[in-house]
N, C-alpha and C. Protein backbone atom coordinates (compact mmCIF):
# COMPACT_ATOMS: atom_id res chain seq x y z
N MET A 1 129.70 87.65 57.20
CA MET A 1 130.45 87.74 55.96
C MET A 1 130.41 89.20 55.38
N ALA A 2 131.45 89.78 55.07
CA ALA A 2 131.50 91.07 54.55
C ALA A 2 130.91 91.06 53.21
N SER A 3 130.47 92.30 52.73
CA SER A 3 129.85 92.45 51.38
C SER A 3 130.92 92.73 50.49
N ASP A 4 130.69 92.29 49.15
CA ASP A 4 131.57 92.47 48.18
C ASP A 4 131.63 93.84 47.43
N LEU A 5 132.65 94.56 47.23
CA LEU A 5 132.52 95.81 46.52
C LEU A 5 131.78 95.66 45.22
N SER A 6 132.00 94.61 44.51
CA SER A 6 131.30 94.70 43.17
C SER A 6 129.91 94.67 43.39
N PHE A 7 129.23 94.08 44.36
CA PHE A 7 127.74 94.01 44.67
C PHE A 7 127.41 95.52 45.07
N VAL A 8 128.19 96.18 45.93
CA VAL A 8 127.80 97.56 46.40
C VAL A 8 127.86 98.51 45.04
N GLU A 9 128.76 98.19 44.19
CA GLU A 9 128.89 99.18 42.97
C GLU A 9 127.63 98.82 42.07
N TYR A 10 127.17 97.59 41.93
CA TYR A 10 126.06 97.13 41.16
C TYR A 10 124.85 97.94 41.79
N VAL A 11 124.62 97.90 43.17
CA VAL A 11 123.46 98.60 43.62
C VAL A 11 123.54 99.94 43.36
N ARG A 12 124.76 100.58 43.56
CA ARG A 12 124.92 102.10 43.31
C ARG A 12 124.46 102.31 41.83
N ASP A 13 125.05 101.50 40.99
CA ASP A 13 124.77 101.70 39.49
C ASP A 13 123.09 101.60 39.32
N GLN A 14 122.48 100.72 39.94
CA GLN A 14 120.92 100.56 39.99
C GLN A 14 120.25 101.79 40.38
N MET A 15 120.86 102.42 41.32
CA MET A 15 120.29 103.78 41.98
C MET A 15 120.62 105.02 41.19
N HIS A 16 121.40 104.73 40.06
CA HIS A 16 121.81 105.87 39.25
C HIS A 16 120.65 106.73 38.73
N GLY A 17 120.47 108.08 39.03
CA GLY A 17 119.41 108.86 38.56
C GLY A 17 118.60 109.24 39.74
N ALA A 18 118.68 108.70 40.99
CA ALA A 18 117.98 109.00 42.15
C ALA A 18 118.52 110.24 42.93
N GLY A 19 119.77 110.68 42.48
CA GLY A 19 120.43 111.72 43.11
C GLY A 19 121.97 111.50 43.30
N ASN A 20 122.61 112.27 44.14
CA ASN A 20 123.96 111.98 44.15
C ASN A 20 124.09 110.91 45.08
N VAL A 21 124.41 109.77 44.52
CA VAL A 21 124.51 108.46 45.21
C VAL A 21 126.01 108.15 45.47
N THR A 22 126.27 107.94 46.64
CA THR A 22 127.75 107.51 47.19
C THR A 22 127.57 106.51 48.36
N PHE A 23 128.71 105.68 48.58
CA PHE A 23 128.66 104.82 49.67
C PHE A 23 130.00 104.99 50.32
N LYS A 24 129.97 104.37 51.67
CA LYS A 24 131.00 104.40 52.51
C LYS A 24 131.12 103.02 53.21
N LYS A 25 132.36 102.55 53.36
CA LYS A 25 132.45 101.31 53.99
C LYS A 25 132.58 101.56 55.48
N MET A 26 131.68 100.66 56.21
CA MET A 26 131.64 100.79 57.53
C MET A 26 131.52 99.38 58.30
N PHE A 27 132.59 98.95 59.00
CA PHE A 27 132.70 97.60 59.83
C PHE A 27 132.38 96.51 58.84
N GLY A 28 132.93 96.62 57.65
CA GLY A 28 133.01 95.46 56.66
C GLY A 28 131.74 95.46 55.72
N GLU A 29 130.79 96.44 56.07
CA GLU A 29 129.67 96.62 55.18
C GLU A 29 129.44 97.90 54.62
N TYR A 30 128.43 98.25 54.14
CA TYR A 30 128.23 99.73 53.44
C TYR A 30 127.21 100.48 53.75
N ALA A 31 127.49 101.76 53.75
CA ALA A 31 126.11 102.64 53.93
C ALA A 31 126.06 103.24 52.53
N LEU A 32 124.78 103.46 52.14
CA LEU A 32 124.52 104.04 50.76
C LEU A 32 123.91 105.51 51.12
N TYR A 33 124.31 106.44 50.39
CA TYR A 33 123.92 107.76 50.81
C TYR A 33 123.23 108.40 49.45
N ILE A 34 122.21 109.40 49.61
CA ILE A 34 121.82 110.09 48.39
C ILE A 34 121.73 111.41 49.11
N ASP A 35 122.59 112.28 48.48
CA ASP A 35 122.63 113.69 48.84
C ASP A 35 122.79 113.82 50.35
N GLU A 36 123.86 113.02 50.86
CA GLU A 36 124.50 112.95 52.20
C GLU A 36 123.39 112.31 53.17
N LYS A 37 122.19 111.81 52.76
CA LYS A 37 121.29 111.01 53.67
C LYS A 37 121.57 109.70 53.48
N VAL A 38 121.72 108.92 54.67
CA VAL A 38 121.87 107.41 54.63
C VAL A 38 120.50 106.95 54.24
N VAL A 39 120.43 106.15 53.06
CA VAL A 39 119.14 105.70 52.62
C VAL A 39 118.97 104.14 52.68
N ALA A 40 120.29 103.46 52.64
CA ALA A 40 120.15 102.11 52.63
C ALA A 40 121.71 101.58 53.06
N LEU A 41 121.61 100.19 53.51
CA LEU A 41 122.72 99.60 54.05
C LEU A 41 122.86 98.22 53.02
N VAL A 42 124.06 97.92 52.69
CA VAL A 42 124.37 96.64 52.15
C VAL A 42 125.05 95.83 53.20
N CYS A 43 124.52 94.86 53.68
CA CYS A 43 125.05 93.85 54.65
C CYS A 43 124.91 92.53 54.07
N ASP A 44 126.09 91.66 54.18
CA ASP A 44 125.99 90.25 53.48
C ASP A 44 125.37 90.24 52.14
N ASN A 45 125.97 91.19 51.30
CA ASN A 45 125.44 91.35 49.77
C ASN A 45 123.89 91.37 49.81
N GLN A 46 123.31 92.01 50.72
CA GLN A 46 121.80 92.16 50.60
C GLN A 46 121.66 93.66 50.76
N LEU A 47 120.49 94.24 50.09
CA LEU A 47 120.12 95.64 50.31
C LEU A 47 119.13 95.84 51.24
N PHE A 48 119.29 96.75 52.14
CA PHE A 48 118.32 97.08 53.07
C PHE A 48 118.17 98.52 53.06
N VAL A 49 116.87 98.91 52.72
CA VAL A 49 116.53 100.22 52.65
C VAL A 49 115.73 100.89 53.87
N LYS A 50 116.09 102.02 54.34
CA LYS A 50 115.31 102.66 55.52
C LYS A 50 113.89 102.64 55.18
N PRO A 51 113.15 102.13 56.25
CA PRO A 51 111.76 102.02 56.01
C PRO A 51 111.07 103.43 56.18
N THR A 52 110.20 103.69 55.12
CA THR A 52 109.39 105.07 55.09
C THR A 52 108.06 104.58 54.67
N GLU A 53 107.01 105.51 54.99
CA GLU A 53 105.74 105.24 54.46
C GLU A 53 105.58 105.16 52.90
N ALA A 54 106.29 106.17 52.37
CA ALA A 54 106.39 106.15 50.96
C ALA A 54 107.06 104.92 50.28
N GLY A 55 108.08 104.55 50.88
CA GLY A 55 108.62 103.31 50.43
C GLY A 55 107.83 101.98 50.53
N ARG A 56 107.15 102.02 51.66
CA ARG A 56 106.20 100.63 51.79
C ARG A 56 105.00 100.81 50.77
N ALA A 57 104.65 102.08 50.51
CA ALA A 57 103.49 102.25 49.69
C ALA A 57 103.79 101.86 48.19
N LEU A 58 105.03 102.24 48.00
CA LEU A 58 105.68 102.01 46.48
C LEU A 58 105.74 100.33 46.24
N LEU A 59 106.31 99.70 47.30
CA LEU A 59 106.71 98.41 47.23
C LEU A 59 105.44 97.44 47.48
N GLY A 60 104.53 97.87 48.18
CA GLY A 60 103.39 96.90 48.51
C GLY A 60 103.91 96.07 49.54
N THR A 61 103.76 94.72 49.37
CA THR A 61 104.19 93.66 50.19
C THR A 61 105.70 93.69 50.04
N VAL A 62 106.39 93.79 51.21
CA VAL A 62 107.82 93.56 51.24
C VAL A 62 108.21 92.93 52.61
N THR A 63 109.38 92.34 52.47
CA THR A 63 109.94 91.77 53.68
C THR A 63 110.87 92.77 54.43
N GLU A 64 110.55 92.72 55.71
CA GLU A 64 111.41 93.54 56.56
C GLU A 64 112.19 92.62 57.37
N ALA A 65 113.66 93.06 57.56
CA ALA A 65 114.63 92.22 58.44
C ALA A 65 115.59 93.19 58.85
N PRO A 66 116.25 92.83 59.98
CA PRO A 66 117.32 93.71 60.43
C PRO A 66 118.63 93.30 59.66
N PRO A 67 119.35 94.44 59.20
CA PRO A 67 120.47 94.17 58.54
C PRO A 67 121.69 93.47 59.21
N TYR A 68 121.65 93.65 60.52
CA TYR A 68 122.75 93.01 61.36
C TYR A 68 121.90 92.67 62.70
N PRO A 69 122.56 91.98 63.65
CA PRO A 69 121.89 91.57 64.83
C PRO A 69 121.74 92.79 65.66
N GLY A 70 120.69 92.97 66.18
CA GLY A 70 120.29 94.24 67.15
C GLY A 70 119.86 95.40 66.44
N ALA A 71 119.81 95.44 65.09
CA ALA A 71 119.41 96.44 64.26
C ALA A 71 117.87 96.48 64.12
N LYS A 72 117.22 97.64 63.88
CA LYS A 72 115.86 97.88 63.67
C LYS A 72 115.50 97.27 62.12
N PRO A 73 114.43 96.61 62.01
CA PRO A 73 114.10 96.13 60.76
C PRO A 73 114.10 97.11 59.55
N GLN A 74 114.52 96.80 58.48
CA GLN A 74 114.48 97.64 57.29
C GLN A 74 113.95 96.81 56.17
N LEU A 75 113.68 97.61 55.01
CA LEU A 75 113.10 96.89 53.97
C LEU A 75 114.23 96.07 53.15
N LEU A 76 113.96 94.79 53.18
CA LEU A 76 114.88 93.87 52.41
C LEU A 76 114.52 93.92 50.86
N ILE A 77 115.44 94.31 49.98
CA ILE A 77 115.19 94.32 48.62
C ILE A 77 115.82 93.25 47.98
N THR A 78 115.10 92.26 47.36
CA THR A 78 115.64 91.19 46.72
C THR A 78 115.47 91.09 45.13
N GLU A 79 114.25 90.49 44.65
CA GLU A 79 114.23 90.36 43.27
C GLU A 79 113.96 91.87 42.79
N GLN A 80 113.34 92.94 43.54
CA GLN A 80 113.20 94.18 42.99
C GLN A 80 114.37 94.85 42.52
N LEU A 81 115.60 94.36 43.02
CA LEU A 81 116.90 95.07 42.72
C LEU A 81 117.15 95.06 41.08
N GLU A 82 116.50 94.22 40.46
CA GLU A 82 116.76 94.02 39.06
C GLU A 82 115.89 95.12 38.26
N ASP A 83 114.97 95.73 38.84
CA ASP A 83 114.08 96.51 38.21
C ASP A 83 114.64 98.04 38.72
N GLN A 84 115.39 98.49 37.83
CA GLN A 84 116.14 99.83 37.98
C GLN A 84 115.24 100.99 38.13
N GLY A 85 114.10 101.01 37.44
CA GLY A 85 113.24 102.24 37.48
C GLY A 85 112.51 102.14 38.89
N LEU A 86 112.18 101.00 39.34
CA LEU A 86 111.53 100.93 40.63
C LEU A 86 112.68 101.34 41.81
N ILE A 87 113.88 100.76 41.72
CA ILE A 87 114.80 101.20 42.74
C ILE A 87 115.18 102.63 42.62
N VAL A 88 115.30 103.19 41.44
CA VAL A 88 115.52 104.80 41.44
C VAL A 88 114.12 105.43 42.13
N GLU A 89 113.04 105.11 41.87
CA GLU A 89 111.91 105.83 42.50
C GLU A 89 111.80 105.45 44.02
N LEU A 90 112.10 104.28 44.45
CA LEU A 90 112.22 103.85 45.87
C LEU A 90 113.23 104.77 46.63
N MET A 91 114.43 104.88 45.98
CA MET A 91 115.36 105.77 46.48
C MET A 91 114.94 107.19 46.62
N ARG A 92 114.34 107.59 45.65
CA ARG A 92 113.76 109.13 45.60
C ARG A 92 112.86 109.40 46.57
N VAL A 93 111.88 108.54 46.76
CA VAL A 93 110.89 108.59 47.79
C VAL A 93 111.34 108.47 49.23
N THR A 94 112.30 107.64 49.25
CA THR A 94 112.95 107.26 50.53
C THR A 94 113.65 108.52 51.04
N ALA A 95 114.67 109.13 50.12
CA ALA A 95 115.39 110.18 50.64
C ALA A 95 114.60 111.45 50.75
N ALA A 96 113.55 111.62 50.09
CA ALA A 96 112.60 112.79 50.35
C ALA A 96 112.12 112.68 51.64
N GLU A 97 111.73 111.59 52.26
CA GLU A 97 110.92 111.31 53.51
C GLU A 97 111.91 111.42 54.73
N LEU A 98 113.22 111.13 54.31
CA LEU A 98 114.00 111.08 55.45
C LEU A 98 114.57 112.46 56.01
N PRO A 99 114.86 112.60 57.25
CA PRO A 99 115.21 114.04 57.56
C PRO A 99 116.80 114.28 57.07
N ALA A 100 117.00 115.65 56.87
CA ALA A 100 118.46 116.03 56.56
C ALA A 100 119.33 115.63 57.73
N PRO A 101 120.48 115.17 57.29
CA PRO A 101 121.63 114.89 58.37
C PRO A 101 121.78 116.07 59.37
N LYS A 102 122.19 115.85 60.50
CA LYS A 102 122.48 116.86 61.55
C LYS A 102 123.65 117.44 61.14
N PRO A 103 124.09 118.73 61.23
CA PRO A 103 125.22 119.26 60.97
C PRO A 103 126.26 118.87 61.90
N LYS A 104 127.51 118.60 61.33
CA LYS A 104 128.62 118.00 62.28
C LYS A 104 129.16 119.27 62.99
N PRO A 105 129.58 119.09 64.09
CA PRO A 105 130.21 120.23 64.93
C PRO A 105 131.56 120.58 64.33
N ALA A 106 131.79 121.99 64.35
CA ALA A 106 133.05 122.32 63.92
C ALA A 106 134.19 121.93 64.66
N LYS A 107 135.27 121.36 64.00
CA LYS A 107 136.46 120.90 64.63
C LYS A 107 137.26 122.06 65.22
N LYS A 108 137.69 121.93 66.41
CA LYS A 108 138.57 122.93 67.05
C LYS A 108 139.92 122.75 66.63
N SER A 109 140.57 123.90 66.21
CA SER A 109 141.97 123.81 65.73
C SER A 109 142.95 123.53 66.97
N ALA A 110 144.01 122.95 66.66
CA ALA A 110 144.92 122.46 67.55
C ALA A 110 145.37 123.62 68.43
N LYS A 111 145.56 124.92 67.94
CA LYS A 111 146.12 125.93 68.65
C LYS A 111 145.04 126.35 69.60
N LYS A 112 143.81 126.45 69.30
CA LYS A 112 142.54 126.84 70.11
C LYS A 112 142.60 125.94 71.29
N ALA A 113 142.61 124.53 71.00
CA ALA A 113 142.60 123.60 72.08
C ALA A 113 143.88 123.78 73.01
N ALA A 114 144.96 124.03 72.51
CA ALA A 114 146.06 124.10 73.46
C ALA A 114 145.93 125.43 74.24
N LYS A 115 145.46 126.47 73.69
CA LYS A 115 145.23 127.70 74.63
C LYS A 115 144.36 127.43 75.60
N LYS A 116 143.36 126.54 75.44
CA LYS A 116 142.40 126.51 76.43
C LYS A 116 142.53 125.37 77.46
N ALA A 117 143.53 124.65 77.28
CA ALA A 117 144.10 123.59 78.09
C ALA A 117 144.65 124.11 79.40
N PRO A 118 144.39 123.52 80.50
CA PRO A 118 144.74 124.16 81.78
C PRO A 118 146.26 124.02 81.93
N LYS A 119 146.81 124.96 82.48
CA LYS A 119 148.30 124.95 82.58
C LYS A 119 148.66 124.13 83.80
N LYS A 120 149.76 123.41 83.52
CA LYS A 120 150.30 122.45 84.75
C LYS A 120 151.14 123.55 85.66
N THR A 121 150.86 123.11 86.93
CA THR A 121 151.61 123.89 88.10
C THR A 121 152.21 122.79 88.75
N ARG A 122 153.40 123.44 89.43
CA ARG A 122 154.15 122.51 90.24
C ARG A 122 153.92 122.61 91.70
């Protein structure tokens, strides 16, 4: 079951104040970003937060579950989602502990690629 955009927007609104919060649709589900770091996923209208020591310490007892079959377990956020202050702090500490995204390789221009392509011989 794909997640509803309205639920994803609600989650984003609950995260307001944690940084630059954005989301992207991926395979019918959504990845949530703070300052370009993937911090959480929304799958089947449930919030899964990347596990960090700071996040676990903040939440105390928390359920961990994979967001989709074959995925590593993440922190499943249920009733805590209603507590905006807690969610903002959870997102802040999670983003702070996660590594910066790797830089994307520069795209080659079509002209440069054509010049480097081997020439056809008869």
